[in-house]
Amino acid sequence: MAHQQQFVAQQQPAEVGTVMTQAQSPGTWSTGMFECCSDMGTCCCALFCFPCMQCQTASDFGWCFCMPVLDSFCCVVSCILRGNIRERHGIPGSRCDDCCKILMCYPCVWCQMSRELKIRKN
């Protein structure tokens, strides 16, 4: 007599993880300009290699990653990028307001733009 083997396949329970994201509606920035510590990854990247964070932010927006290099001479690239992020996500403001904030605290504005793109990407 031939010996028959039976195989029984049982599905193992899958690991369930919860991802918390901040749902953001159009009309507001997800984080404030001075909330740099709300995203420690961005904060540390900006602290240790600010140009790298700028290039990553430009790339995340869909621009050529080297566009922020042009900001060395004036803040025009930063003003345009901030305005474009606002327009894409329906955040109120003006180009004049964008430029004033950039002149007030350049690194804080870049960190805010980076956080915004990260949050809205999810």
PDB file of N, CA and C in Angstrom:
ATOM      1  N   MET A   1       0.826  -1.173   0.000  1.00  0.00           N
ATOM      2  CA  MET A   1       0.000   0.000   0.000  1.00  0.00           C
ATOM      3  C   MET A   1       0.879   1.248   0.000  1.00  0.00           C
ATOM      4  N   ALA A   2       0.428   2.226  -0.750  1.00  0.00           N
ATOM      5  CA  ALA A   2       1.159   3.487  -0.830  1.00  0.00           C
ATOM      6  C   ALA A   2       0.758   4.392   0.335  1.00  0.00           C
ATOM      7  N   HIS A   3       1.744   5.082   0.842  1.00  0.00           N
ATOM      8  CA  HIS A   3       1.497   5.983   1.969  1.00  0.00           C
ATOM      9  C   HIS A   3       1.203   7.383   1.416  1.00  0.00           C
ATOM     10  N   GLN A   4       0.082   7.967   1.790  1.00  0.00           N
ATOM     11  CA  GLN A   4      -0.294   9.295   1.327  1.00  0.00           C
ATOM     12  C   GLN A   4      -0.061  10.304   2.443  1.00  0.00           C
ATOM     13  N   GLN A   5       0.504  11.444   2.054  1.00  0.00           N
ATOM     14  CA  GLN A   5       0.712  12.512   3.019  1.00  0.00           C
ATOM     15  C   GLN A   5      -0.310  13.605   2.774  1.00  0.00           C
ATOM     16  N   GLN A   6      -0.803  14.140   3.839  1.00  0.00           N
ATOM     17  CA  GLN A   6      -1.734  15.259   3.725  1.00  0.00           C
ATOM     18  C   GLN A   6      -1.044  16.517   4.255  1.00  0.00           C
ATOM     19  N   PHE A   7      -1.153  17.554   3.459  1.00  0.00           N
ATOM     20  CA  PHE A   7      -0.606  18.833   3.874  1.00  0.00           C
ATOM     21  C   PHE A   7      -1.756  19.773   4.165  1.00  0.00           C
ATOM     22  N   VAL A   8      -1.705  20.399   5.272  1.00  0.00           N
ATOM     23  CA  VAL A   8      -2.729  21.366   5.640  1.00  0.00           C
ATOM     24  C   VAL A   8      -2.055  22.729   5.730  1.00  0.00           C
ATOM     25  N   ALA A   9      -2.564  23.652   4.966  1.00  0.00           N
ATOM     26  CA  ALA A   9      -2.014  25.007   4.971  1.00  0.00           C
ATOM     27  C   ALA A   9      -2.892  25.880   5.845  1.00  0.00           C
ATOM     28  N   GLN A  10      -2.284  26.523   6.790  1.00  0.00           N
ATOM     29  CA  GLN A  10      -3.015  27.434   7.651  1.00  0.00           C
ATOM     30  C   GLN A  10      -2.417  28.821   7.487  1.00  0.00           C
ATOM     31  N   GLN A  11      -3.297  29.766   7.346  1.00  0.00           N
ATOM     32  CA  GLN A  11      -2.822  31.138   7.215  1.00  0.00           C
ATOM     33  C   GLN A  11      -2.508  31.673   8.607  1.00  0.00           C
ATOM     34  N   GLN A  12      -1.303  32.189   8.744  1.00  0.00           N
ATOM     35  CA  GLN A  12      -0.879  32.743  10.017  1.00  0.00           C
ATOM     36  C   GLN A  12      -1.468  34.142  10.157  1.00  0.00           C
ATOM     37  N   PRO A  13      -1.771  34.541  11.364  1.00  0.00           N
ATOM     38  CA  PRO A  13      -2.284  35.906  11.543  1.00  0.00           C
ATOM     39  C   PRO A  13      -1.230  36.923  11.126  1.00  0.00           C
ATOM     40  N   ALA A  14      -1.668  37.913  10.406  1.00  0.00           N
ATOM     41  CA  ALA A  14      -0.759  38.958   9.931  1.00  0.00           C
ATOM     42  C   ALA A  14      -0.536  39.976  11.038  1.00  0.00           C
ATOM     43  N   GLU A  15       0.660  40.542  11.044  1.00  0.00           N
ATOM     44  CA  GLU A  15       0.963  41.586  12.010  1.00  0.00           C
ATOM     45  C   GLU A  15       0.279  42.857  11.544  1.00  0.00           C
ATOM     46  N   VAL A  16      -0.442  43.467  12.424  1.00  0.00           N
ATOM     47  CA  VAL A  16      -1.177  44.670  12.079  1.00  0.00           C
ATOM     48  C   VAL A  16      -0.481  45.854  12.723  1.00  0.00           C
ATOM     49  N   GLY A  17      -0.170  46.828  11.927  1.00  0.00           N
ATOM     50  CA  GLY A  17       0.474  48.027  12.438  1.00  0.00           C
ATOM     51  C   GLY A  17      -0.419  49.228  12.194  1.00  0.00           C
ATOM     52  N   THR A  18      -0.299  50.203  13.018  1.00  0.00           N
ATOM     53  CA  THR A  18      -1.080  51.414  12.872  1.00  0.00           C
ATOM     54  C   THR A  18      -0.135  52.557  12.555  1.00  0.00           C
ATOM     55  N   VAL A  19      -0.447  53.280  11.527  1.00  0.00           N
ATOM     56  CA  VAL A  19       0.347  54.439  11.151  1.00  0.00           C
ATOM     57  C   VAL A  19      -0.496  55.674  11.405  1.00  0.00           C
ATOM     58  N   MET A  20       0.020  56.556  12.208  1.00  0.00           N
ATOM     59  CA  MET A  20      -0.696  57.783  12.520  1.00  0.00           C
ATOM     60  C   MET A  20      -0.184  58.888  11.598  1.00  0.00           C
ATOM     61  N   THR A  21      -1.081  59.474  10.854  1.00  0.00           N
ATOM     62  CA  THR A  21      -0.712  60.621  10.031  1.00  0.00           C
ATOM     63  C   THR A  21      -1.656  61.756  10.360  1.00  0.00           C
ATOM     64  N   GLN A  22      -1.176  62.928  10.194  1.00  0.00           N
ATOM     65  CA  GLN A  22      -1.991  64.094  10.465  1.00  0.00           C
ATOM     66  C   GLN A  22      -2.691  64.473   9.174  1.00  0.00           C
ATOM     67  N   ALA A  23      -4.007  64.262   9.145  1.00  0.00           N
ATOM     68  CA  ALA A  23      -4.766  64.642   7.957  1.00  0.00           C
ATOM     69  C   ALA A  23      -4.847  66.157   7.933  1.00  0.00           C
ATOM     70  N   GLN A  24      -4.522  66.722   6.813  1.00  0.00           N
ATOM     71  CA  GLN A  24      -4.496  68.166   6.728  1.00  0.00           C
ATOM     72  C   GLN A  24      -5.401  68.611   5.597  1.00  0.00           C
ATOM     73  N   SER A  25      -6.302  69.473   5.905  1.00  0.00           N
ATOM     74  CA  SER A  25      -7.188  69.998   4.879  1.00  0.00           C
ATOM     75  C   SER A  25      -6.540  71.216   4.238  1.00  0.00           C
ATOM     76  N   PRO A  26      -6.983  71.548   3.047  1.00  0.00           N
ATOM     77  CA  PRO A  26      -6.442  72.749   2.417  1.00  0.00           C
ATOM     78  C   PRO A  26      -6.726  73.971   3.284  1.00  0.00           C
ATOM     79  N   GLY A  27      -5.869  74.940   3.224  1.00  0.00           N
ATOM     80  CA  GLY A  27      -6.123  76.187   3.916  1.00  0.00           C
ATOM     81  C   GLY A  27      -5.219  76.479   5.103  1.00  0.00           C
ATOM     82  N   THR A  28      -4.432  75.515   5.545  1.00  0.00           N
ATOM     83  CA  THR A  28      -3.529  75.777   6.664  1.00  0.00           C
ATOM     84  C   THR A  28      -2.222  75.017   6.469  1.00  0.00           C
ATOM     85  N   TRP A  29      -1.174  75.549   7.070  1.00  0.00           N
ATOM     86  CA  TRP A  29       0.089  74.815   7.129  1.00  0.00           C
ATOM     87  C   TRP A  29      -0.088  73.713   8.154  1.00  0.00           C
ATOM     88  N   SER A  30       0.465  72.562   7.917  1.00  0.00           N
ATOM     89  CA  SER A  30       0.350  71.434   8.843  1.00  0.00           C
ATOM     90  C   SER A  30       1.068  71.706  10.156  1.00  0.00           C
ATOM     91  N   THR A  31       2.171  72.432  10.090  1.00  0.00           N
ATOM     92  CA  THR A  31       2.944  72.783  11.281  1.00  0.00           C
ATOM     93  C   THR A  31       3.300  74.260  11.209  1.00  0.00           C
ATOM     94  N   GLY A  32       3.563  74.836  12.359  1.00  0.00           N
ATOM     95  CA  GLY A  32       3.966  76.234  12.407  1.00  0.00           C
ATOM     96  C   GLY A  32       5.400  76.425  11.960  1.00  0.00           C
ATOM     97  N   MET A  33       5.725  77.660  11.692  1.00  0.00           N
ATOM     98  CA  MET A  33       7.064  77.969  11.195  1.00  0.00           C
ATOM     99  C   MET A  33       8.154  77.641  12.226  1.00  0.00           C
ATOM    100  N   PHE A  34       7.831  77.745  13.506  1.00  0.00           N
ATOM    101  CA  PHE A  34       8.841  77.517  14.542  1.00  0.00           C
ATOM    102  C   PHE A  34       8.689  76.158  15.228  1.00  0.00           C
ATOM    103  N   GLU A  35       8.000  75.230  14.599  1.00  0.00           N
ATOM    104  CA  GLU A  35       7.809  73.886  15.164  1.00  0.00           C
ATOM    105  C   GLU A  35       8.841  72.906  14.600  1.00  0.00           C
ATOM    106  N   CYS A  36      10.082  73.329  14.578  1.00  0.00           N
ATOM    107  CA  CYS A  36      11.153  72.517  13.992  1.00  0.00           C
ATOM    108  C   CYS A  36      11.292  71.160  14.673  1.00  0.00           C
ATOM    109  N   CYS A  37      11.042  71.107  15.982  1.00  0.00           N
ATOM    110  CA  CYS A  37      11.233  69.848  16.718  1.00  0.00           C
ATOM    111  C   CYS A  37      10.066  68.876  16.546  1.00  0.00           C
ATOM    112  N   SER A  38       9.034  69.250  15.801  1.00  0.00           N
ATOM    113  CA  SER A  38       7.920  68.316  15.577  1.00  0.00           C
ATOM    114  C   SER A  38       8.332  67.192  14.630  1.00  0.00           C
ATOM    115  N   ASP A  39       9.400  67.387  13.892  1.00  0.00           N
ATOM    116  CA  ASP A  39       9.957  66.353  13.008  1.00  0.00           C
ATOM    117  C   ASP A  39      11.472  66.366  13.219  1.00  0.00           C
ATOM    118  N   MET A  40      11.928  65.514  14.112  1.00  0.00           N
ATOM    119  CA  MET A  40      13.344  65.535  14.469  1.00  0.00           C
ATOM    120  C   MET A  40      14.260  65.143  13.308  1.00  0.00           C
ATOM    121  N   GLY A  41      13.773  64.322  12.383  1.00  0.00           N
ATOM    122  CA  GLY A  41      14.584  63.953  11.226  1.00  0.00           C
ATOM    123  C   GLY A  41      14.926  65.170  10.377  1.00  0.00           C
ATOM    124  N   THR A  42      13.910  65.973  10.089  1.00  0.00           N
ATOM    125  CA  THR A  42      14.117  67.195   9.311  1.00  0.00           C
ATOM    126  C   THR A  42      14.981  68.173  10.103  1.00  0.00           C
ATOM    127  N   CYS A  43      14.709  68.283  11.387  1.00  0.00           N
ATOM    128  CA  CYS A  43      15.464  69.200  12.247  1.00  0.00           C
ATOM    129  C   CYS A  43      16.959  68.843  12.244  1.00  0.00           C
ATOM    130  N   CYS A  44      17.255  67.566  12.430  1.00  0.00           N
ATOM    131  CA  CYS A  44      18.663  67.131  12.452  1.00  0.00           C
ATOM    132  C   CYS A  44      19.326  67.287  11.087  1.00  0.00           C
ATOM    133  N   CYS A  45      18.591  66.962  10.043  1.00  0.00           N
ATOM    134  CA  CYS A  45      19.141  67.121   8.688  1.00  0.00           C
ATOM    135  C   CYS A  45      19.469  68.583   8.424  1.00  0.00           C
ATOM    136  N   ALA A  46      18.566  69.477   8.824  1.00  0.00           N
ATOM    137  CA  ALA A  46      18.800  70.906   8.623  1.00  0.00           C
ATOM    138  C   ALA A  46      19.974  71.389   9.474  1.00  0.00           C
ATOM    139  N   LEU A  47      20.096  70.849  10.665  1.00  0.00           N
ATOM    140  CA  LEU A  47      21.169  71.269  11.560  1.00  0.00           C
ATOM    141  C   LEU A  47      22.536  70.835  11.054  1.00  0.00           C
ATOM    142  N   PHE A  48      22.643  69.593  10.585  1.00  0.00           N
ATOM    143  CA  PHE A  48      23.941  69.051  10.209  1.00  0.00           C
ATOM    144  C   PHE A  48      24.288  69.222   8.733  1.00  0.00           C
ATOM    145  N   CYS A  49      23.269  69.330   7.874  1.00  0.00           N
ATOM    146  CA  CYS A  49      23.543  69.527   6.444  1.00  0.00           C
ATOM    147  C   CYS A  49      22.364  70.259   5.799  1.00  0.00           C
ATOM    148  N   PHE A  50      22.281  71.542   6.091  1.00  0.00           N
ATOM    149  CA  PHE A  50      21.162  72.355   5.609  1.00  0.00           C
ATOM    150  C   PHE A  50      21.005  72.306   4.081  1.00  0.00           C
ATOM    151  N   PRO A  51      22.087  72.410   3.304  1.00  0.00           N
ATOM    152  CA  PRO A  51      21.923  72.327   1.840  1.00  0.00           C
ATOM    153  C   PRO A  51      21.326  70.990   1.385  1.00  0.00           C
ATOM    154  N   CYS A  52      21.663  69.903   2.083  1.00  0.00           N
ATOM    155  CA  CYS A  52      21.090  68.591   1.722  1.00  0.00           C
ATOM    156  C   CYS A  52      19.585  68.593   1.933  1.00  0.00           C
ATOM    157  N   MET A  53      19.133  69.176   3.051  1.00  0.00           N
ATOM    158  CA  MET A  53      17.702  69.252   3.332  1.00  0.00           C
ATOM    159  C   MET A  53      16.991  70.122   2.293  1.00  0.00           C
ATOM    160  N   GLN A  54      17.627  71.217   1.904  1.00  0.00           N
ATOM    161  CA  GLN A  54      17.037  72.081   0.884  1.00  0.00           C
ATOM    162  C   GLN A  54      16.889  71.331  -0.448  1.00  0.00           C
ATOM    163  N   CYS A  55      17.926  70.630  -0.852  1.00  0.00           N
ATOM    164  CA  CYS A  55      17.885  69.890  -2.118  1.00  0.00           C
ATOM    165  C   CYS A  55      16.823  68.797  -2.081  1.00  0.00           C
ATOM    166  N   GLN A  56      16.690  68.111  -0.948  1.00  0.00           N
ATOM    167  CA  GLN A  56      15.680  67.070  -0.804  1.00  0.00           C
ATOM    168  C   GLN A  56      14.274  67.674  -0.876  1.00  0.00           C
ATOM    169  N   THR A  57      14.086  68.817  -0.258  1.00  0.00           N
ATOM    170  CA  THR A  57      12.781  69.489  -0.269  1.00  0.00           C
ATOM    171  C   THR A  57      12.402  69.900  -1.687  1.00  0.00           C
ATOM    172  N   ALA A  58      13.350  70.482  -2.413  1.00  0.00           N
ATOM    173  CA  ALA A  58      13.079  70.873  -3.803  1.00  0.00           C
ATOM    174  C   ALA A  58      12.727  69.646  -4.637  1.00  0.00           C
ATOM    175  N   SER A  59      13.445  68.573  -4.439  1.00  0.00           N
ATOM    176  CA  SER A  59      13.179  67.326  -5.169  1.00  0.00           C
ATOM    177  C   SER A  59      11.809  66.763  -4.805  1.00  0.00           C
ATOM    178  N   ASP A  60      11.453  66.794  -3.519  1.00  0.00           N
ATOM    179  CA  ASP A  60      10.137  66.299  -3.081  1.00  0.00           C
ATOM    180  C   ASP A  60       9.000  67.088  -3.715  1.00  0.00           C
ATOM    181  N   PHE A  61       9.252  68.365  -3.993  1.00  0.00           N
ATOM    182  CA  PHE A  61       8.226  69.195  -4.631  1.00  0.00           C
ATOM    183  C   PHE A  61       8.130  68.916  -6.132  1.00  0.00           C
ATOM    184  N   GLY A  62       9.155  68.302  -6.688  1.00  0.00           N
ATOM    185  CA  GLY A  62       9.150  68.006  -8.118  1.00  0.00           C
ATOM    186  C   GLY A  62      10.104  68.879  -8.912  1.00  0.00           C
ATOM    187  N   TRP A  63      10.870  69.683  -8.228  1.00  0.00           N
ATOM    188  CA  TRP A  63      11.848  70.527  -8.888  1.00  0.00           C
ATOM    189  C   TRP A  63      13.169  69.783  -9.014  1.00  0.00           C
ATOM    190  N   CYS A  64      14.058  70.335  -9.821  1.00  0.00           N
ATOM    191  CA  CYS A  64      15.429  69.839  -9.879  1.00  0.00           C
ATOM    192  C   CYS A  64      16.042  70.029  -8.495  1.00  0.00           C
ATOM    193  N   PHE A  65      16.698  69.001  -7.996  1.00  0.00           N
ATOM    194  CA  PHE A  65      17.213  69.053  -6.627  1.00  0.00           C
ATOM    195  C   PHE A  65      18.239  70.158  -6.400  1.00  0.00           C
ATOM    196  N   CYS A  66      18.866  70.643  -7.454  1.00  0.00           N
ATOM    197  CA  CYS A  66      19.920  71.645  -7.257  1.00  0.00           C
ATOM    198  C   CYS A  66      19.400  73.093  -7.314  1.00  0.00           C
ATOM    199  N   MET A  67      18.099  73.287  -7.440  1.00  0.00           N
ATOM    200  CA  MET A  67      17.546  74.649  -7.489  1.00  0.00           C
ATOM    201  C   MET A  67      17.928  75.504  -6.273  1.00  0.00           C
ATOM    202  N   PRO A  68      17.915  74.956  -5.043  1.00  0.00           N
ATOM    203  CA  PRO A  68      18.268  75.795  -3.892  1.00  0.00           C
ATOM    204  C   PRO A  68      19.679  76.376  -3.949  1.00  0.00           C
ATOM    205  N   VAL A  69      20.565  75.806  -4.756  1.00  0.00           N
ATOM    206  CA  VAL A  69      21.917  76.353  -4.890  1.00  0.00           C
ATOM    207  C   VAL A  69      21.837  77.787  -5.411  1.00  0.00           C
ATOM    208  N   LEU A  70      20.832  78.078  -6.219  1.00  0.00           N
ATOM    209  CA  LEU A  70      20.671  79.428  -6.762  1.00  0.00           C
ATOM    210  C   LEU A  70      20.280  80.433  -5.685  1.00  0.00           C
ATOM    211  N   ASP A  71      19.816  79.952  -4.542  1.00  0.00           N
ATOM    212  CA  ASP A  71      19.418  80.831  -3.446  1.00  0.00           C
ATOM    213  C   ASP A  71      20.612  81.479  -2.758  1.00  0.00           C
ATOM    214  N   SER A  72      21.809  81.096  -3.119  1.00  0.00           N
ATOM    215  CA  SER A  72      23.007  81.656  -2.495  1.00  0.00           C
ATOM    216  C   SER A  72      23.114  83.156  -2.732  1.00  0.00           C
ATOM    217  N   PHE A  73      22.588  83.612  -3.835  1.00  0.00           N
ATOM    218  CA  PHE A  73      22.716  85.020  -4.208  1.00  0.00           C
ATOM    219  C   PHE A  73      21.536  85.862  -3.749  1.00  0.00           C
ATOM    220  N   CYS A  74      20.368  85.268  -3.687  1.00  0.00           N
ATOM    221  CA  CYS A  74      19.171  85.954  -3.220  1.00  0.00           C
ATOM    222  C   CYS A  74      18.153  84.890  -2.816  1.00  0.00           C
ATOM    223  N   CYS A  75      17.079  85.288  -2.225  1.00  0.00           N
ATOM    224  CA  CYS A  75      16.099  84.319  -1.706  1.00  0.00           C
ATOM    225  C   CYS A  75      14.937  84.076  -2.678  1.00  0.00           C
ATOM    226  N   VAL A  76      15.127  84.361  -3.937  1.00  0.00           N
ATOM    227  CA  VAL A  76      14.052  84.243  -4.912  1.00  0.00           C
ATOM    228  C   VAL A  76      13.549  82.806  -5.019  1.00  0.00           C
ATOM    229  N   VAL A  77      14.440  81.839  -5.063  1.00  0.00           N
ATOM    230  CA  VAL A  77      14.043  80.434  -5.181  1.00  0.00           C
ATOM    231  C   VAL A  77      13.193  80.032  -3.984  1.00  0.00           C
ATOM    232  N   SER A  78      13.597  80.439  -2.784  1.00  0.00           N
ATOM    233  CA  SER A  78      12.839  80.116  -1.581  1.00  0.00           C
ATOM    234  C   SER A  78      11.449  80.728  -1.624  1.00  0.00           C
ATOM    235  N   CYS A  79      11.367  81.987  -2.046  1.00  0.00           N
ATOM    236  CA  CYS A  79      10.066  82.669  -2.125  1.00  0.00           C
ATOM    237  C   CYS A  79       9.145  81.973  -3.131  1.00  0.00           C
ATOM    238  N   ILE A  80       9.692  81.612  -4.274  1.00  0.00           N
ATOM    239  CA  ILE A  80       8.887  80.947  -5.303  1.00  0.00           C
ATOM    240  C   ILE A  80       8.437  79.574  -4.833  1.00  0.00           C
ATOM    241  N   LEU A  81       9.336  78.817  -4.231  1.00  0.00           N
ATOM    242  CA  LEU A  81       8.976  77.483  -3.756  1.00  0.00           C
ATOM    243  C   LEU A  81       7.893  77.561  -2.684  1.00  0.00           C
ATOM    244  N   ARG A  82       8.050  78.441  -1.710  1.00  0.00           N
ATOM    245  CA  ARG A  82       7.041  78.572  -0.654  1.00  0.00           C
ATOM    246  C   ARG A  82       5.686  78.960  -1.248  1.00  0.00           C
ATOM    247  N   GLY A  83       5.693  79.892  -2.185  1.00  0.00           N
ATOM    248  CA  GLY A  83       4.440  80.295  -2.838  1.00  0.00           C
ATOM    249  C   GLY A  83       3.804  79.150  -3.608  1.00  0.00           C
ATOM    250  N   ASN A  84       4.629  78.371  -4.292  1.00  0.00           N
ATOM    251  CA  ASN A  84       4.104  77.232  -5.054  1.00  0.00           C
ATOM    252  C   ASN A  84       3.539  76.142  -4.139  1.00  0.00           C
ATOM    253  N   ILE A  85       4.178  75.903  -3.009  1.00  0.00           N
ATOM    254  CA  ILE A  85       3.644  74.931  -2.048  1.00  0.00           C
ATOM    255  C   ILE A  85       2.292  75.422  -1.536  1.00  0.00           C
ATOM    256  N   ARG A  86       2.218  76.709  -1.191  1.00  0.00           N
ATOM    257  CA  ARG A  86       0.946  77.276  -0.735  1.00  0.00           C
ATOM    258  C   ARG A  86      -0.148  77.101  -1.778  1.00  0.00           C
ATOM    259  N   GLU A  87       0.156  77.442  -3.016  1.00  0.00           N
ATOM    260  CA  GLU A  87      -0.839  77.360  -4.088  1.00  0.00           C
ATOM    261  C   GLU A  87      -1.280  75.923  -4.344  1.00  0.00           C
ATOM    262  N   ARG A  88      -0.338  74.988  -4.346  1.00  0.00           N
ATOM    263  CA  ARG A  88      -0.668  73.584  -4.605  1.00  0.00           C
ATOM    264  C   ARG A  88      -1.630  73.033  -3.549  1.00  0.00           C
ATOM    265  N   HIS A  89      -1.458  73.481  -2.302  1.00  0.00           N
ATOM    266  CA  HIS A  89      -2.247  72.927  -1.208  1.00  0.00           C
ATOM    267  C   HIS A  89      -3.332  73.873  -0.693  1.00  0.00           C
ATOM    268  N   GLY A  90      -3.564  74.953  -1.405  1.00  0.00           N
ATOM    269  CA  GLY A  90      -4.639  75.869  -1.033  1.00  0.00           C
ATOM    270  C   GLY A  90      -4.420  76.595   0.280  1.00  0.00           C
ATOM    271  N   ILE A  91      -3.182  76.893   0.597  1.00  0.00           N
ATOM    272  CA  ILE A  91      -2.852  77.598   1.831  1.00  0.00           C
ATOM    273  C   ILE A  91      -2.839  79.097   1.529  1.00  0.00           C
ATOM    274  N   PRO A  92      -3.610  79.882   2.280  1.00  0.00           N
ATOM    275  CA  PRO A  92      -3.656  81.314   1.992  1.00  0.00           C
ATOM    276  C   PRO A  92      -2.338  82.008   2.332  1.00  0.00           C
ATOM    277  N   GLY A  93      -2.117  83.131   1.701  1.00  0.00           N
ATOM    278  CA  GLY A  93      -0.910  83.915   1.925  1.00  0.00           C
ATOM    279  C   GLY A  93      -0.582  84.706   0.678  1.00  0.00           C
ATOM    280  N   SER A  94       0.551  85.364   0.699  1.00  0.00           N
ATOM    281  CA  SER A  94       0.965  86.160  -0.458  1.00  0.00           C
ATOM    282  C   SER A  94       2.466  86.000  -0.661  1.00  0.00           C
ATOM    283  N   ARG A  95       2.925  86.364  -1.837  1.00  0.00           N
ATOM    284  CA  ARG A  95       4.367  86.315  -2.125  1.00  0.00           C
ATOM    285  C   ARG A  95       5.124  87.247  -1.184  1.00  0.00           C
ATOM    286  N   CYS A  96       4.530  88.388  -0.899  1.00  0.00           N
ATOM    287  CA  CYS A  96       5.174  89.342   0.011  1.00  0.00           C
ATOM    288  C   CYS A  96       5.331  88.720   1.396  1.00  0.00           C
ATOM    289  N   ASP A  97       4.287  88.060   1.889  1.00  0.00           N
ATOM    290  CA  ASP A  97       4.339  87.384   3.184  1.00  0.00           C
ATOM    291  C   ASP A  97       5.406  86.287   3.172  1.00  0.00           C
ATOM    292  N   ASP A  98       5.446  85.522   2.068  1.00  0.00           N
ATOM    293  CA  ASP A  98       6.458  84.465   1.948  1.00  0.00           C
ATOM    294  C   ASP A  98       7.867  85.047   2.062  1.00  0.00           C
ATOM    295  N   CYS A  99       8.128  86.115   1.321  1.00  0.00           N
ATOM    296  CA  CYS A  99       9.465  86.720   1.320  1.00  0.00           C
ATOM    297  C   CYS A  99       9.820  87.293   2.684  1.00  0.00           C
ATOM    298  N   CYS A 100       8.844  87.912   3.358  1.00  0.00           N
ATOM    299  CA  CYS A 100       9.113  88.466   4.695  1.00  0.00           C
ATOM    300  C   CYS A 100       9.473  87.362   5.681  1.00  0.00           C
ATOM    301  N   LYS A 101       8.759  86.239   5.622  1.00  0.00           N
ATOM    302  CA  LYS A 101       9.054  85.127   6.534  1.00  0.00           C
ATOM    303  C   LYS A 101      10.418  84.519   6.235  1.00  0.00           C
ATOM    304  N   ILE A 102      10.753  84.439   4.970  1.00  0.00           N
ATOM    305  CA  ILE A 102      12.056  83.899   4.589  1.00  0.00           C
ATOM    306  C   ILE A 102      13.183  84.799   5.090  1.00  0.00           C
ATOM    307  N   LEU A 103      12.991  86.106   4.995  1.00  0.00           N
ATOM    308  CA  LEU A 103      14.001  87.039   5.496  1.00  0.00           C
ATOM    309  C   LEU A 103      14.075  87.020   7.019  1.00  0.00           C
ATOM    310  N   MET A 104      12.954  86.729   7.677  1.00  0.00           N
ATOM    311  CA  MET A 104      12.913  86.705   9.137  1.00  0.00           C
ATOM    312  C   MET A 104      13.634  85.473   9.704  1.00  0.00           C
ATOM    313  N   CYS A 105      13.344  84.290   9.145  1.00  0.00           N
ATOM    314  CA  CYS A 105      13.968  83.074   9.656  1.00  0.00           C
ATOM    315  C   CYS A 105      14.072  82.036   8.538  1.00  0.00           C
ATOM    316  N   TYR A 106      15.076  82.215   7.718  1.00  0.00           N
ATOM    317  CA  TYR A 106      15.309  81.377   6.541  1.00  0.00           C
ATOM    318  C   TYR A 106      15.299  79.873   6.842  1.00  0.00           C
ATOM    319  N   PRO A 107      16.068  79.396   7.836  1.00  0.00           N
ATOM    320  CA  PRO A 107      16.072  77.944   8.100  1.00  0.00           C
ATOM    321  C   PRO A 107      14.711  77.420   8.579  1.00  0.00           C
ATOM    322  N   CYS A 108      14.004  78.224   9.380  1.00  0.00           N
ATOM    323  CA  CYS A 108      12.693  77.786   9.886  1.00  0.00           C
ATOM    324  C   CYS A 108      11.692  77.606   8.754  1.00  0.00           C
ATOM    325  N   VAL A 109      11.725  78.499   7.786  1.00  0.00           N
ATOM    326  CA  VAL A 109      10.816  78.409   6.636  1.00  0.00           C
ATOM    327  C   VAL A 109      11.125  77.160   5.825  1.00  0.00           C
ATOM    328  N   TRP A 110      12.398  76.881   5.610  1.00  0.00           N
ATOM    329  CA  TRP A 110      12.762  75.676   4.847  1.00  0.00           C
ATOM    330  C   TRP A 110      12.336  74.404   5.578  1.00  0.00           C
ATOM    331  N   CYS A 111      12.503  74.386   6.891  1.00  0.00           N
ATOM    332  CA  CYS A 111      12.064  73.210   7.662  1.00  0.00           C
ATOM    333  C   CYS A 111      10.550  73.058   7.575  1.00  0.00           C
ATOM    334  N   GLN A 112       9.817  74.170   7.641  1.00  0.00           N
ATOM    335  CA  GLN A 112       8.361  74.104   7.530  1.00  0.00           C
ATOM    336  C   GLN A 112       7.947  73.570   6.159  1.00  0.00           C
ATOM    337  N   MET A 113       8.597  74.038   5.110  1.00  0.00           N
ATOM    338  CA  MET A 113       8.263  73.553   3.761  1.00  0.00           C
ATOM    339  C   MET A 113       8.556  72.058   3.644  1.00  0.00           C
ATOM    340  N   SER A 114       9.671  71.627   4.193  1.00  0.00           N
ATOM    341  CA  SER A 114      10.032  70.212   4.140  1.00  0.00           C
ATOM    342  C   SER A 114       9.004  69.354   4.884  1.00  0.00           C
ATOM    343  N   ARG A 115       8.624  69.792   6.087  1.00  0.00           N
ATOM    344  CA  ARG A 115       7.615  69.051   6.863  1.00  0.00           C
ATOM    345  C   ARG A 115       6.293  68.991   6.117  1.00  0.00           C
ATOM    346  N   GLU A 116       5.909  70.105   5.515  1.00  0.00           N
ATOM    347  CA  GLU A 116       4.631  70.173   4.796  1.00  0.00           C
ATOM    348  C   GLU A 116       4.598  69.156   3.656  1.00  0.00           C
ATOM    349  N   LEU A 117       5.671  69.103   2.899  1.00  0.00           N
ATOM    350  CA  LEU A 117       5.717  68.156   1.785  1.00  0.00           C
ATOM    351  C   LEU A 117       5.703  66.716   2.275  1.00  0.00           C
ATOM    352  N   LYS A 118       6.393  66.438   3.381  1.00  0.00           N
ATOM    353  CA  LYS A 118       6.383  65.092   3.950  1.00  0.00           C
ATOM    354  C   LYS A 118       4.973  64.691   4.387  1.00  0.00           C
ATOM    355  N   ILE A 119       4.317  65.592   5.094  1.00  0.00           N
ATOM    356  CA  ILE A 119       2.985  65.297   5.628  1.00  0.00           C
ATOM    357  C   ILE A 119       1.978  65.132   4.494  1.00  0.00           C
ATOM    358  N   ARG A 120       2.016  65.993   3.519  1.00  0.00           N
ATOM    359  CA  ARG A 120       1.033  65.951   2.431  1.00  0.00           C
ATOM    360  C   ARG A 120       1.311  64.809   1.453  1.00  0.00           C
ATOM    361  N   LYS A 121       2.537  64.288   1.463  1.00  0.00           N
ATOM    362  CA  LYS A 121       2.860  63.168   0.572  1.00  0.00           C
ATOM    363  C   LYS A 121       2.152  61.887   1.024  1.00  0.00           C
ATOM    364  N   ASN A 122       1.984  61.716   2.327  1.00  0.00           N
ATOM    365  CA  ASN A 122       1.372  60.484   2.876  1.00  0.00           C
ATOM    366  C   ASN A 122      -0.104  60.412   2.614  1.00  0.00           C
TER     367      ASN A 122
END
